[in-house]
Amino acid sequence: WCLIFTTIVNALFGVAFALTPVLCFRMFTQDEAVLAYAGMCMF
C-alpha cells in the first residue's frame, strides 16, 4: 500500500513540475539568470 500511495503522490507532482517549471522557480526568485535553469532542473 505504501508503494501505491507514493506512486500517486509522485505522479501528481511529476505532471506539475513538467508543465510549470518556471512558475515553480518563481516562488523562490525573480532573478532571470537563475530562472534560465528552471526547465533543465525540472526535466
Full PDB file with SEQRES, HELIX, SHEET, SSBOND, CRYST1, ORIGX, SCALE, CONECT and MASTER records, all heavy atoms in Angstrom:
SEQRES   1 A   43  TRP CYS LEU ILE PHE THR THR ILE VAL ASN ALA LEU PHE          
SEQRES   2 A   43  GLY VAL ALA PHE ALA LEU THR PRO VAL LEU CYS PHE ARG          
SEQRES   3 A   43  MET PHE THR GLN ASP GLU ALA VAL LEU ALA TYR ALA GLY          
SEQRES   4 A   43  MET CYS MET PHE                                              
HELIX    1 AA1 CYS A    2  LEU A   19  1                                  18    
HELIX    2 AA2 PRO A   21  ARG A   26  1                                   6    
HELIX    3 AA3 GLU A   32  LEU A   35  1                                   4    
HELIX    4 AA4 ALA A   38  MET A   42  1                                   5    
CRYST1    1.000    1.000    1.000  90.00  90.00  90.00 P 1           1          
ORIGX1      1.000000  0.000000  0.000000        0.00000                         
ORIGX2      0.000000  1.000000  0.000000        0.00000                         
ORIGX3      0.000000  0.000000  1.000000        0.00000                         
SCALE1      1.000000  0.000000  0.000000        0.00000                         
SCALE2      0.000000  1.000000  0.000000        0.00000                         
SCALE3      0.000000  0.000000  1.000000        0.00000                         
ATOM      1  N   TRP A   1       0.825  -1.207   0.000  1.00  0.00           N  
ATOM      2  CA  TRP A   1       0.000   0.000   0.000  1.00  0.00           C  
ATOM      3  C   TRP A   1       0.858   1.256   0.000  1.00  0.00           C  
ATOM      4  O   TRP A   1       0.507   2.261  -0.623  1.00  0.00           O  
ATOM      5  CB  TRP A   1      -0.958  -0.004   1.190  1.00  0.00           C  
ATOM      6  CG  TRP A   1      -2.188  -0.814   0.918  1.00  0.00           C  
ATOM      7  CD1 TRP A   1      -2.538  -2.008   1.459  1.00  0.00           C  
ATOM      8  CD2 TRP A   1      -3.232  -0.470  -0.002  1.00  0.00           C  
ATOM      9  NE1 TRP A   1      -3.739  -2.454   0.936  1.00  0.00           N  
ATOM     10  CE2 TRP A   1      -4.183  -1.512   0.036  1.00  0.00           C  
ATOM     11  CE3 TRP A   1      -3.462   0.609  -0.852  1.00  0.00           C  
ATOM     12  CZ2 TRP A   1      -5.342  -1.505  -0.725  1.00  0.00           C  
ATOM     13  CZ3 TRP A   1      -4.613   0.628  -1.634  1.00  0.00           C  
ATOM     14  CH2 TRP A   1      -5.537  -0.429  -1.561  1.00  0.00           C  
ATOM     15  N   CYS A   2       1.991   1.201   0.667  1.00  0.00           N  
ATOM     16  CA  CYS A   2       2.905   2.346   0.644  1.00  0.00           C  
ATOM     17  C   CYS A   2       3.399   2.603  -0.779  1.00  0.00           C  
ATOM     18  O   CYS A   2       3.468   3.757  -1.220  1.00  0.00           O  
ATOM     19  CB  CYS A   2       4.085   2.105   1.584  1.00  0.00           C  
ATOM     20  SG  CYS A   2       5.256   3.484   1.676  1.00  0.00           S  
ATOM     21  N   LEU A   3       3.721   1.546  -1.512  1.00  0.00           N  
ATOM     22  CA  LEU A   3       4.156   1.691  -2.906  1.00  0.00           C  
ATOM     23  C   LEU A   3       3.070   2.339  -3.756  1.00  0.00           C  
ATOM     24  O   LEU A   3       3.356   3.191  -4.613  1.00  0.00           O  
ATOM     25  CB  LEU A   3       4.535   0.322  -3.483  1.00  0.00           C  
ATOM     26  CG  LEU A   3       5.795  -0.335  -2.914  1.00  0.00           C  
ATOM     27  CD1 LEU A   3       5.919  -1.765  -3.430  1.00  0.00           C  
ATOM     28  CD2 LEU A   3       7.034   0.466  -3.281  1.00  0.00           C  
ATOM     29  N   ILE A   4       1.839   1.958  -3.541  1.00  0.00           N  
ATOM     30  CA  ILE A   4       0.720   2.531  -4.299  1.00  0.00           C  
ATOM     31  C   ILE A   4       0.566   4.025  -3.981  1.00  0.00           C  
ATOM     32  O   ILE A   4       0.452   4.871  -4.882  1.00  0.00           O  
ATOM     33  CB  ILE A   4      -0.587   1.777  -3.987  1.00  0.00           C  
ATOM     34  CG1 ILE A   4      -0.518   0.346  -4.543  1.00  0.00           C  
ATOM     35  CG2 ILE A   4      -1.798   2.518  -4.569  1.00  0.00           C  
ATOM     36  CD1 ILE A   4      -1.668  -0.542  -4.105  1.00  0.00           C  
ATOM     37  N   PHE A   5       0.572   4.356  -2.700  1.00  0.00           N  
ATOM     38  CA  PHE A   5       0.383   5.752  -2.297  1.00  0.00           C  
ATOM     39  C   PHE A   5       1.526   6.653  -2.781  1.00  0.00           C  
ATOM     40  O   PHE A   5       1.291   7.772  -3.244  1.00  0.00           O  
ATOM     41  CB  PHE A   5       0.248   5.846  -0.766  1.00  0.00           C  
ATOM     42  CG  PHE A   5      -1.003   5.224  -0.223  1.00  0.00           C  
ATOM     43  CD1 PHE A   5      -0.991   4.570   1.008  1.00  0.00           C  
ATOM     44  CD2 PHE A   5      -2.192   5.295  -0.918  1.00  0.00           C  
ATOM     45  CE1 PHE A   5      -2.142   3.997   1.527  1.00  0.00           C  
ATOM     46  CE2 PHE A   5      -3.359   4.721  -0.409  1.00  0.00           C  
ATOM     47  CZ  PHE A   5      -3.329   4.072   0.813  1.00  0.00           C  
ATOM     48  N   THR A   6       2.760   6.174  -2.687  1.00  0.00           N  
ATOM     49  CA  THR A   6       3.893   7.002  -3.122  1.00  0.00           C  
ATOM     50  C   THR A   6       3.891   7.206  -4.635  1.00  0.00           C  
ATOM     51  O   THR A   6       4.301   8.263  -5.122  1.00  0.00           O  
ATOM     52  CB  THR A   6       5.237   6.382  -2.692  1.00  0.00           C  
ATOM     53  OG1 THR A   6       5.316   5.025  -3.149  1.00  0.00           O  
ATOM     54  CG2 THR A   6       5.393   6.409  -1.182  1.00  0.00           C  
ATOM     55  N   THR A   7       3.417   6.214  -5.374  1.00  0.00           N  
ATOM     56  CA  THR A   7       3.314   6.351  -6.830  1.00  0.00           C  
ATOM     57  C   THR A   7       2.316   7.442  -7.202  1.00  0.00           C  
ATOM     58  O   THR A   7       2.564   8.262  -8.097  1.00  0.00           O  
ATOM     59  CB  THR A   7       2.897   5.020  -7.475  1.00  0.00           C  
ATOM     60  OG1 THR A   7       3.884   4.028  -7.197  1.00  0.00           O  
ATOM     61  CG2 THR A   7       2.736   5.173  -8.977  1.00  0.00           C  
ATOM     62  N   ILE A   8       1.201   7.492  -6.505  1.00  0.00           N  
ATOM     63  CA  ILE A   8       0.185   8.515  -6.764  1.00  0.00           C  
ATOM     64  C   ILE A   8       0.751   9.909  -6.495  1.00  0.00           C  
ATOM     65  O   ILE A   8       0.593  10.832  -7.307  1.00  0.00           O  
ATOM     66  CB  ILE A   8      -1.065   8.260  -5.900  1.00  0.00           C  
ATOM     67  CG1 ILE A   8      -1.760   6.961  -6.346  1.00  0.00           C  
ATOM     68  CG2 ILE A   8      -2.036   9.440  -5.985  1.00  0.00           C  
ATOM     69  CD1 ILE A   8      -2.887   6.521  -5.428  1.00  0.00           C  
ATOM     70  N   VAL A   9       1.413  10.067  -5.363  1.00  0.00           N  
ATOM     71  CA  VAL A   9       1.976  11.378  -4.992  1.00  0.00           C  
ATOM     72  C   VAL A   9       3.002  11.840  -6.023  1.00  0.00           C  
ATOM     73  O   VAL A   9       2.957  12.977  -6.513  1.00  0.00           O  
ATOM     74  CB  VAL A   9       2.616  11.315  -3.589  1.00  0.00           C  
ATOM     75  CG1 VAL A   9       3.404  12.598  -3.306  1.00  0.00           C  
ATOM     76  CG2 VAL A   9       1.553  11.111  -2.526  1.00  0.00           C  
ATOM     77  N   ASN A  10       3.926  10.970  -6.386  1.00  0.00           N  
ATOM     78  CA  ASN A  10       4.987  11.356  -7.325  1.00  0.00           C  
ATOM     79  C   ASN A  10       4.452  11.625  -8.721  1.00  0.00           C  
ATOM     80  O   ASN A  10       4.981  12.499  -9.436  1.00  0.00           O  
ATOM     81  CB  ASN A  10       6.059  10.264  -7.372  1.00  0.00           C  
ATOM     82  CG  ASN A  10       7.004  10.330  -6.195  1.00  0.00           C  
ATOM     83  OD1 ASN A  10       7.648  11.339  -5.964  1.00  0.00           O  
ATOM     84  ND2 ASN A  10       7.090   9.249  -5.427  1.00  0.00           N  
ATOM     85  N   ALA A  11       3.418  10.896  -9.124  1.00  0.00           N  
ATOM     86  CA  ALA A  11       2.829  11.127 -10.446  1.00  0.00           C  
ATOM     87  C   ALA A  11       2.204  12.518 -10.518  1.00  0.00           C  
ATOM     88  O   ALA A  11       2.366  13.241 -11.522  1.00  0.00           O  
ATOM     89  CB  ALA A  11       1.779  10.060 -10.743  1.00  0.00           C  
ATOM     90  N   LEU A  12       1.503  12.921  -9.480  1.00  0.00           N  
ATOM     91  CA  LEU A  12       0.860  14.238  -9.462  1.00  0.00           C  
ATOM     92  C   LEU A  12       1.895  15.360  -9.528  1.00  0.00           C  
ATOM     93  O   LEU A  12       1.753  16.316 -10.305  1.00  0.00           O  
ATOM     94  CB  LEU A  12      -0.008  14.382  -8.205  1.00  0.00           C  
ATOM     95  CG  LEU A  12      -1.251  13.487  -8.142  1.00  0.00           C  
ATOM     96  CD1 LEU A  12      -1.925  13.615  -6.781  1.00  0.00           C  
ATOM     97  CD2 LEU A  12      -2.233  13.862  -9.248  1.00  0.00           C  
ATOM     98  N   PHE A  13       2.937  15.249  -8.725  1.00  0.00           N  
ATOM     99  CA  PHE A  13       3.964  16.291  -8.726  1.00  0.00           C  
ATOM    100  C   PHE A  13       4.786  16.258 -10.005  1.00  0.00           C  
ATOM    101  O   PHE A  13       5.241  17.306 -10.476  1.00  0.00           O  
ATOM    102  CB  PHE A  13       4.868  16.157  -7.498  1.00  0.00           C  
ATOM    103  CG  PHE A  13       4.292  16.804  -6.268  1.00  0.00           C  
ATOM    104  CD1 PHE A  13       3.563  16.044  -5.361  1.00  0.00           C  
ATOM    105  CD2 PHE A  13       4.451  18.154  -6.038  1.00  0.00           C  
ATOM    106  CE1 PHE A  13       3.017  16.632  -4.233  1.00  0.00           C  
ATOM    107  CE2 PHE A  13       3.912  18.755  -4.915  1.00  0.00           C  
ATOM    108  CZ  PHE A  13       3.194  17.998  -4.001  1.00  0.00           C  
ATOM    109  N   GLY A  14       4.983  15.072 -10.567  1.00  0.00           N  
ATOM    110  CA  GLY A  14       5.724  14.978 -11.812  1.00  0.00           C  
ATOM    111  C   GLY A  14       5.046  15.760 -12.927  1.00  0.00           C  
ATOM    112  O   GLY A  14       5.717  16.459 -13.709  1.00  0.00           O  
ATOM    113  N   VAL A  15       3.739  15.674 -13.014  1.00  0.00           N  
ATOM    114  CA  VAL A  15       2.985  16.426 -14.020  1.00  0.00           C  
ATOM    115  C   VAL A  15       3.134  17.925 -13.785  1.00  0.00           C  
ATOM    116  O   VAL A  15       3.375  18.704 -14.721  1.00  0.00           O  
ATOM    117  CB  VAL A  15       1.505  16.016 -13.995  1.00  0.00           C  
ATOM    118  CG1 VAL A  15       0.681  16.938 -14.887  1.00  0.00           C  
ATOM    119  CG2 VAL A  15       1.337  14.567 -14.437  1.00  0.00           C  
ATOM    120  N   ALA A  16       3.006  18.338 -12.523  1.00  0.00           N  
ATOM    121  CA  ALA A  16       3.117  19.760 -12.196  1.00  0.00           C  
ATOM    122  C   ALA A  16       4.504  20.309 -12.518  1.00  0.00           C  
ATOM    123  O   ALA A  16       4.646  21.393 -13.097  1.00  0.00           O  
ATOM    124  CB  ALA A  16       2.794  19.982 -10.719  1.00  0.00           C  
ATOM    125  N   PHE A  17       5.543  19.566 -12.175  1.00  0.00           N  
ATOM    126  CA  PHE A  17       6.913  20.019 -12.439  1.00  0.00           C  
ATOM    127  C   PHE A  17       7.194  20.092 -13.939  1.00  0.00           C  
ATOM    128  O   PHE A  17       7.883  20.992 -14.412  1.00  0.00           O  
ATOM    129  CB  PHE A  17       7.922  19.083 -11.777  1.00  0.00           C  
ATOM    130  CG  PHE A  17       7.956  19.190 -10.275  1.00  0.00           C  
ATOM    131  CD1 PHE A  17       8.416  18.131  -9.514  1.00  0.00           C  
ATOM    132  CD2 PHE A  17       7.524  20.334  -9.626  1.00  0.00           C  
ATOM    133  CE1 PHE A  17       8.464  18.217  -8.126  1.00  0.00           C  
ATOM    134  CE2 PHE A  17       7.563  20.438  -8.238  1.00  0.00           C  
ATOM    135  CZ  PHE A  17       8.036  19.371  -7.483  1.00  0.00           C  
ATOM    136  N   ALA A  18       6.678  19.120 -14.691  1.00  0.00           N  
ATOM    137  CA  ALA A  18       6.941  19.078 -16.128  1.00  0.00           C  
ATOM    138  C   ALA A  18       6.243  20.224 -16.865  1.00  0.00           C  
ATOM    139  O   ALA A  18       6.786  20.768 -17.832  1.00  0.00           O  
ATOM    140  CB  ALA A  18       6.491  17.742 -16.710  1.00  0.00           C  
ATOM    141  N   LEU A  19       5.050  20.597 -16.407  1.00  0.00           N  
ATOM    142  CA  LEU A  19       4.257  21.598 -17.119  1.00  0.00           C  
ATOM    143  C   LEU A  19       4.540  23.036 -16.683  1.00  0.00           C  
ATOM    144  O   LEU A  19       4.325  23.969 -17.464  1.00  0.00           O  
ATOM    145  CB  LEU A  19       2.758  21.294 -16.939  1.00  0.00           C  
ATOM    146  CG  LEU A  19       2.265  19.977 -17.530  1.00  0.00           C  
ATOM    147  CD1 LEU A  19       0.768  19.806 -17.274  1.00  0.00           C  
ATOM    148  CD2 LEU A  19       2.560  19.902 -19.028  1.00  0.00           C  
ATOM    149  N   THR A  20       5.028  23.223 -15.451  1.00  0.00           N  
ATOM    150  CA  THR A  20       5.193  24.598 -14.934  1.00  0.00           C  
ATOM    151  C   THR A  20       6.559  24.809 -14.273  1.00  0.00           C  
ATOM    152  O   THR A  20       6.629  25.253 -13.118  1.00  0.00           O  
ATOM    153  CB  THR A  20       4.077  24.931 -13.931  1.00  0.00           C  
ATOM    154  OG1 THR A  20       4.156  24.000 -12.823  1.00  0.00           O  
ATOM    155  CG2 THR A  20       2.710  24.844 -14.564  1.00  0.00           C  
ATOM    156  N   PRO A  21       7.659  24.537 -14.955  1.00  0.00           N  
ATOM    157  CA  PRO A  21       8.974  24.652 -14.310  1.00  0.00           C  
ATOM    158  C   PRO A  21       9.318  26.073 -13.875  1.00  0.00           C  
ATOM    159  O   PRO A  21       9.792  26.296 -12.762  1.00  0.00           O  
ATOM    160  CB  PRO A  21       9.939  24.142 -15.378  1.00  0.00           C  
ATOM    161  CG  PRO A  21       9.222  24.318 -16.668  1.00  0.00           C  
ATOM    162  CD  PRO A  21       7.786  24.092 -16.358  1.00  0.00           C  
ATOM    163  N   VAL A  22       9.098  27.050 -14.749  1.00  0.00           N  
ATOM    164  CA  VAL A  22       9.459  28.428 -14.415  1.00  0.00           C  
ATOM    165  C   VAL A  22       8.576  28.963 -13.295  1.00  0.00           C  
ATOM    166  O   VAL A  22       9.049  29.659 -12.380  1.00  0.00           O  
ATOM    167  CB  VAL A  22       9.363  29.332 -15.658  1.00  0.00           C  
ATOM    168  CG1 VAL A  22       9.643  30.789 -15.289  1.00  0.00           C  
ATOM    169  CG2 VAL A  22      10.341  28.867 -16.733  1.00  0.00           C  
ATOM    170  N   LEU A  23       7.300  28.626 -13.338  1.00  0.00           N  
ATOM    171  CA  LEU A  23       6.381  29.063 -12.282  1.00  0.00           C  
ATOM    172  C   LEU A  23       6.831  28.527 -10.929  1.00  0.00           C  
ATOM    173  O   LEU A  23       6.776  29.243  -9.916  1.00  0.00           O  
ATOM    174  CB  LEU A  23       4.957  28.593 -12.604  1.00  0.00           C  
ATOM    175  CG  LEU A  23       3.876  28.997 -11.596  1.00  0.00           C  
ATOM    176  CD1 LEU A  23       3.758  30.513 -11.515  1.00  0.00           C  
ATOM    177  CD2 LEU A  23       2.525  28.376 -11.999  1.00  0.00           C  
ATOM    178  N   CYS A  24       7.272  27.288 -10.894  1.00  0.00           N  
ATOM    179  CA  CYS A  24       7.765  26.695  -9.650  1.00  0.00           C  
ATOM    180  C   CYS A  24       8.990  27.456  -9.139  1.00  0.00           C  
ATOM    181  O   CYS A  24       9.103  27.752  -7.946  1.00  0.00           O  
ATOM    182  CB  CYS A  24       8.131  25.225  -9.869  1.00  0.00           C  
ATOM    183  SG  CYS A  24       6.725  24.135 -10.184  1.00  0.00           S  
ATOM    184  N   PHE A  25       9.895  27.800 -10.036  1.00  0.00           N  
ATOM    185  CA  PHE A  25      11.108  28.530  -9.650  1.00  0.00           C  
ATOM    186  C   PHE A  25      10.794  29.944  -9.167  1.00  0.00           C  
ATOM    187  O   PHE A  25      11.490  30.486  -8.297  1.00  0.00           O  
ATOM    188  CB  PHE A  25      12.093  28.577 -10.818  1.00  0.00           C  
ATOM    189  CG  PHE A  25      13.203  27.570 -10.728  1.00  0.00           C  
ATOM    190  CD1 PHE A  25      12.928  26.221 -10.598  1.00  0.00           C  
ATOM    191  CD2 PHE A  25      14.527  27.975 -10.760  1.00  0.00           C  
ATOM    192  CE1 PHE A  25      13.938  25.282 -10.518  1.00  0.00           C  
ATOM    193  CE2 PHE A  25      15.561  27.050 -10.669  1.00  0.00           C  
ATOM    194  CZ  PHE A  25      15.268  25.692 -10.547  1.00  0.00           C  
ATOM    195  N   ARG A  26       9.755  30.550  -9.736  1.00  0.00           N  
ATOM    196  CA  ARG A  26       9.424  31.931  -9.375  1.00  0.00           C  
ATOM    197  C   ARG A  26       8.953  32.057  -7.925  1.00  0.00           C  
ATOM    198  O   ARG A  26       8.913  33.160  -7.373  1.00  0.00           O  
ATOM    199  CB  ARG A  26       8.363  32.504 -10.314  1.00  0.00           C  
ATOM    200  CG  ARG A  26       8.909  32.891 -11.675  1.00  0.00           C  
ATOM    201  CD  ARG A  26       7.935  33.749 -12.457  1.00  0.00           C  
ATOM    202  NE  ARG A  26       8.448  34.062 -13.782  1.00  0.00           N  
ATOM    203  CZ  ARG A  26       9.306  35.041 -14.042  1.00  0.00           C  
ATOM    204  NH1 ARG A  26       9.739  35.801 -13.045  1.00  0.00           N  
ATOM    205  NH2 ARG A  26       9.726  35.259 -15.274  1.00  0.00           N  
ATOM    206  N   MET A  27       8.594  30.966  -7.300  1.00  0.00           N  
ATOM    207  CA  MET A  27       8.244  31.026  -5.878  1.00  0.00           C  
ATOM    208  C   MET A  27       9.454  31.391  -5.031  1.00  0.00           C  
ATOM    209  O   MET A  27       9.325  31.893  -3.915  1.00  0.00           O  
ATOM    210  CB  MET A  27       7.668  29.681  -5.417  1.00  0.00           C  
ATOM    211  CG  MET A  27       6.324  29.329  -6.002  1.00  0.00           C  
ATOM    212  SD  MET A  27       5.616  27.853  -5.236  1.00  0.00           S  
ATOM    213  CE  MET A  27       6.784  26.582  -5.741  1.00  0.00           C  
ATOM    214  N   PHE A  28      10.656  31.151  -5.574  1.00  0.00           N  
ATOM    215  CA  PHE A  28      11.886  31.376  -4.816  1.00  0.00           C  
ATOM    216  C   PHE A  28      12.673  32.603  -5.280  1.00  0.00           C  
ATOM    217  O   PHE A  28      13.388  33.206  -4.494  1.00  0.00           O  
ATOM    218  CB  PHE A  28      12.790  30.140  -4.926  1.00  0.00           C  
ATOM    219  CG  PHE A  28      12.191  28.897  -4.342  1.00  0.00           C  
ATOM    220  CD1 PHE A  28      11.384  28.068  -5.103  1.00  0.00           C  
ATOM    221  CD2 PHE A  28      12.427  28.565  -3.022  1.00  0.00           C  
ATOM    222  CE1 PHE A  28      10.828  26.918  -4.566  1.00  0.00           C  
ATOM    223  CE2 PHE A  28      11.866  27.423  -2.468  1.00  0.00           C  
ATOM    224  CZ  PHE A  28      11.076  26.600  -3.239  1.00  0.00           C  
ATOM    225  N   THR A  29      12.572  32.927  -6.550  1.00  0.00           N  
ATOM    226  CA  THR A  29      13.407  34.011  -7.062  1.00  0.00           C  
ATOM    227  C   THR A  29      12.794  34.626  -8.320  1.00  0.00           C  
ATOM    228  O   THR A  29      12.060  33.952  -9.045  1.00  0.00           O  
ATOM    229  CB  THR A  29      14.823  33.499  -7.388  1.00  0.00           C  
ATOM    230  OG1 THR A  29      15.633  34.586  -7.841  1.00  0.00           O  
ATOM    231  CG2 THR A  29      14.790  32.419  -8.454  1.00  0.00           C  
ATOM    232  N   GLN A  30      13.115  35.897  -8.539  1.00  0.00           N  
ATOM    233  CA  GLN A  30      12.727  36.574  -9.777  1.00  0.00           C  
ATOM    234  C   GLN A  30      13.947  36.843 -10.660  1.00  0.00           C  
ATOM    235  O   GLN A  30      13.839  37.508 -11.685  1.00  0.00           O  
ATOM    236  CB  GLN A  30      12.035  37.904  -9.434  1.00  0.00           C  
ATOM    237  CG  GLN A  30      10.808  37.758  -8.550  1.00  0.00           C  
ATOM    238  CD  GLN A  30       9.745  36.864  -9.157  1.00  0.00           C  
ATOM    239  OE1 GLN A  30       9.465  36.932 -10.356  1.00  0.00           O  
ATOM    240  NE2 GLN A  30       9.142  36.017  -8.339  1.00  0.00           N  
ATOM    241  N   ASP A  31      15.092  36.328 -10.237  1.00  0.00           N  
ATOM    242  CA  ASP A  31      16.351  36.536 -10.964  1.00  0.00           C  
ATOM    243  C   ASP A  31      16.315  35.745 -12.272  1.00  0.00           C  
ATOM    244  O   ASP A  31      16.274  34.513 -12.278  1.00  0.00           O  
ATOM    245  CB  ASP A  31      17.523  36.079 -10.095  1.00  0.00           C  
ATOM    246  CG  ASP A  31      18.869  36.502 -10.655  1.00  0.00           C  
ATOM    247  OD1 ASP A  31      19.008  36.556 -11.884  1.00  0.00           O  
ATOM    248  OD2 ASP A  31      19.784  36.762  -9.839  1.00  0.00           O  
ATOM    249  N   GLU A  32      16.342  36.457 -13.400  1.00  0.00           N  
ATOM    250  CA  GLU A  32      16.224  35.812 -14.713  1.00  0.00           C  
ATOM    251  C   GLU A  32      17.377  34.857 -14.992  1.00  0.00           C  
ATOM    252  O   GLU A  32      17.212  33.836 -15.671  1.00  0.00           O  
ATOM    253  CB  GLU A  32      16.145  36.866 -15.811  1.00  0.00           C  
ATOM    254  CG  GLU A  32      14.861  37.688 -15.798  1.00  0.00           C  
ATOM    255  CD  GLU A  32      13.609  36.836 -16.020  1.00  0.00           C  
ATOM    256  OE1 GLU A  32      13.708  35.818 -16.738  1.00  0.00           O  
ATOM    257  OE2 GLU A  32      12.547  37.190 -15.484  1.00  0.00           O  
ATOM    258  N   ALA A  33      18.555  35.178 -14.449  1.00  0.00           N  
ATOM    259  CA  ALA A  33      19.713  34.304 -14.670  1.00  0.00           C  
ATOM    260  C   ALA A  33      19.515  32.952 -13.999  1.00  0.00           C  
ATOM    261  O   ALA A  33      19.975  31.920 -14.502  1.00  0.00           O  
ATOM    262  CB  ALA A  33      20.980  34.974 -14.146  1.00  0.00           C  
ATOM    263  N   VAL A  34      18.830  32.933 -12.872  1.00  0.00           N  
ATOM    264  CA  VAL A  34      18.532  31.679 -12.166  1.00  0.00           C  
ATOM    265  C   VAL A  34      17.361  30.973 -12.841  1.00  0.00           C  
ATOM    266  O   VAL A  34      17.370  29.751 -13.032  1.00  0.00           O  
ATOM    267  CB  VAL A  34      18.224  31.940 -10.680  1.00  0.00           C  
ATOM    268  CG1 VAL A  34      17.873  30.632  -9.967  1.00  0.00           C  
ATOM    269  CG2 VAL A  34      19.416  32.607  -9.997  1.00  0.00           C  
ATOM    270  N   LEU A  35      16.351  31.736 -13.244  1.00  0.00           N  
ATOM    271  CA  LEU A  35      15.166  31.157 -13.890  1.00  0.00           C  
ATOM    272  C   LEU A  35      15.521  30.458 -15.203  1.00  0.00           C  
ATOM    273  O   LEU A  35      14.801  29.559 -15.641  1.00  0.00           O  
ATOM    274  CB  LEU A  35      14.130  32.250 -14.152  1.00  0.00           C  
ATOM    275  CG  LEU A  35      13.465  32.877 -12.921  1.00  0.00           C  
ATOM    276  CD1 LEU A  35      12.572  34.041 -13.336  1.00  0.00           C  
ATOM    277  CD2 LEU A  35      12.647  31.829 -12.159  1.00  0.00           C  
ATOM    278  N   ALA A  36      16.613  30.853 -15.811  1.00  0.00           N  
ATOM    279  CA  ALA A  36      17.020  30.240 -17.083  1.00  0.00           C  
ATOM    280  C   ALA A  36      17.309  28.752 -16.928  1.00  0.00           C  
ATOM    281  O   ALA A  36      17.267  28.000 -17.911  1.00  0.00           O  
ATOM    282  CB  ALA A  36      18.254  30.961 -17.625  1.00  0.00           C  
ATOM    283  N   TYR A  37      17.605  28.308 -15.707  1.00  0.00           N  
ATOM    284  CA  TYR A  37      17.913  26.898 -15.457  1.00  0.00           C  
ATOM    285  C   TYR A  37      16.683  26.093 -15.010  1.00  0.00           C  
ATOM    286  O   TYR A  37      16.799  24.899 -14.740  1.00  0.00           O  
ATOM    287  CB  TYR A  37      19.001  26.786 -14.389  1.00  0.00           C  
ATOM    288  CG  TYR A  37      20.344  27.297 -14.833  1.00  0.00           C  
ATOM    289  CD1 TYR A  37      20.748  28.591 -14.545  1.00  0.00           C  
ATOM    290  CD2 TYR A  37      21.205  26.487 -15.569  1.00  0.00           C  
ATOM    291  CE1 TYR A  37      21.971  29.075 -14.967  1.00  0.00           C  
ATOM    292  CE2 TYR A  37      22.434  26.966 -16.000  1.00  0.00           C  
ATOM    293  CZ  TYR A  37      22.813  28.261 -15.688  1.00  0.00           C  
ATOM    294  OH  TYR A  37      24.030  28.730 -16.115  1.00  0.00           O  
ATOM    295  N   ALA A  38      15.519  26.726 -14.930  1.00  0.00           N  
ATOM    296  CA  ALA A  38      14.330  26.069 -14.393  1.00  0.00           C  
ATOM    297  C   ALA A  38      13.939  24.833 -15.195  1.00  0.00           C  
ATOM    298  O   ALA A  38      13.688  23.759 -14.639  1.00  0.00           O  
ATOM    299  CB  ALA A  38      13.168  27.060 -14.331  1.00  0.00           C  
ATOM    300  N   GLY A  39      13.860  24.958 -16.522  1.00  0.00           N  
ATOM    301  CA  GLY A  39      13.441  23.832 -17.353  1.00  0.00           C  
ATOM    302  C   GLY A  39      14.392  22.659 -17.240  1.00  0.00           C  
ATOM    303  O   GLY A  39      13.970  21.499 -17.136  1.00  0.00           O  
ATOM    304  N   MET A  40      15.693  22.935 -17.234  1.00  0.00           N  
ATOM    305  CA  MET A  40      16.703  21.897 -17.111  1.00  0.00           C  
ATOM    306  C   MET A  40      16.573  21.158 -15.770  1.00  0.00           C  
ATOM    307  O   MET A  40      16.593  19.926 -15.717  1.00  0.00           O  
ATOM    308  CB  MET A  40      18.102  22.517 -17.221  1.00  0.00           C  
ATOM    309  CG  MET A  40      19.247  21.536 -17.081  1.00  0.00           C  
ATOM    310  SD  MET A  40      20.840  22.393 -16.912  1.00  0.00           S  
ATOM    311  CE  MET A  40      20.901  23.320 -18.430  1.00  0.00           C  
ATOM    312  N   CYS A  41      16.420  21.922 -14.696  1.00  0.00           N  
ATOM    313  CA  CYS A  41      16.310  21.317 -13.364  1.00  0.00           C  
ATOM    314  C   CYS A  41      15.067  20.445 -13.241  1.00  0.00           C  
ATOM    315  O   CYS A  41      15.116  19.330 -12.726  1.00  0.00           O  
ATOM    316  CB  CYS A  41      16.284  22.401 -12.291  1.00  0.00           C  
ATOM    317  SG  CYS A  41      17.843  23.271 -12.062  1.00  0.00           S  
ATOM    318  N   MET A  42      13.946  20.951 -13.734  1.00  0.00           N  
ATOM    319  CA  MET A  42      12.703  20.200 -13.603  1.00  0.00           C  
ATOM    320  C   MET A  42      12.690  18.949 -14.479  1.00  0.00           C  
ATOM    321  O   MET A  42      12.122  17.918 -14.117  1.00  0.00           O  
ATOM    322  CB  MET A  42      11.507  21.091 -13.965  1.00  0.00           C  
ATOM    323  CG  MET A  42      11.258  22.220 -12.984  1.00  0.00           C  
ATOM    324  SD  MET A  42      10.826  21.662 -11.301  1.00  0.00           S  
ATOM    325  CE  MET A  42      12.423  21.686 -10.503  1.00  0.00           C  
ATOM    326  N   PHE A  43      13.354  19.012 -15.630  1.00  0.00           N  
ATOM    327  CA  PHE A  43      13.473  17.837 -16.501  1.00  0.00           C  
ATOM    328  C   PHE A  43      14.188  16.697 -15.774  1.00  0.00           C  
ATOM    329  O   PHE A  43      13.744  15.545 -15.782  1.00  0.00           O  
ATOM    330  CB  PHE A  43      14.222  18.224 -17.779  1.00  0.00           C  
ATOM    331  CG  PHE A  43      14.694  17.046 -18.595  1.00  0.00           C  
ATOM    332  CD1 PHE A  43      13.796  16.264 -19.295  1.00  0.00           C  
ATOM    333  CD2 PHE A  43      16.047  16.722 -18.635  1.00  0.00           C  
ATOM    334  CE1 PHE A  43      14.239  15.171 -20.032  1.00  0.00           C  
ATOM    335  CE2 PHE A  43      16.497  15.638 -19.370  1.00  0.00           C  
ATOM    336  CZ  PHE A  43      15.587  14.864 -20.072  1.00  0.00           C  
TER     337      PHE A  43                                                      
MASTER        0    0    0    4    0    0    0    6  336    1    0    4          
END                                                                             
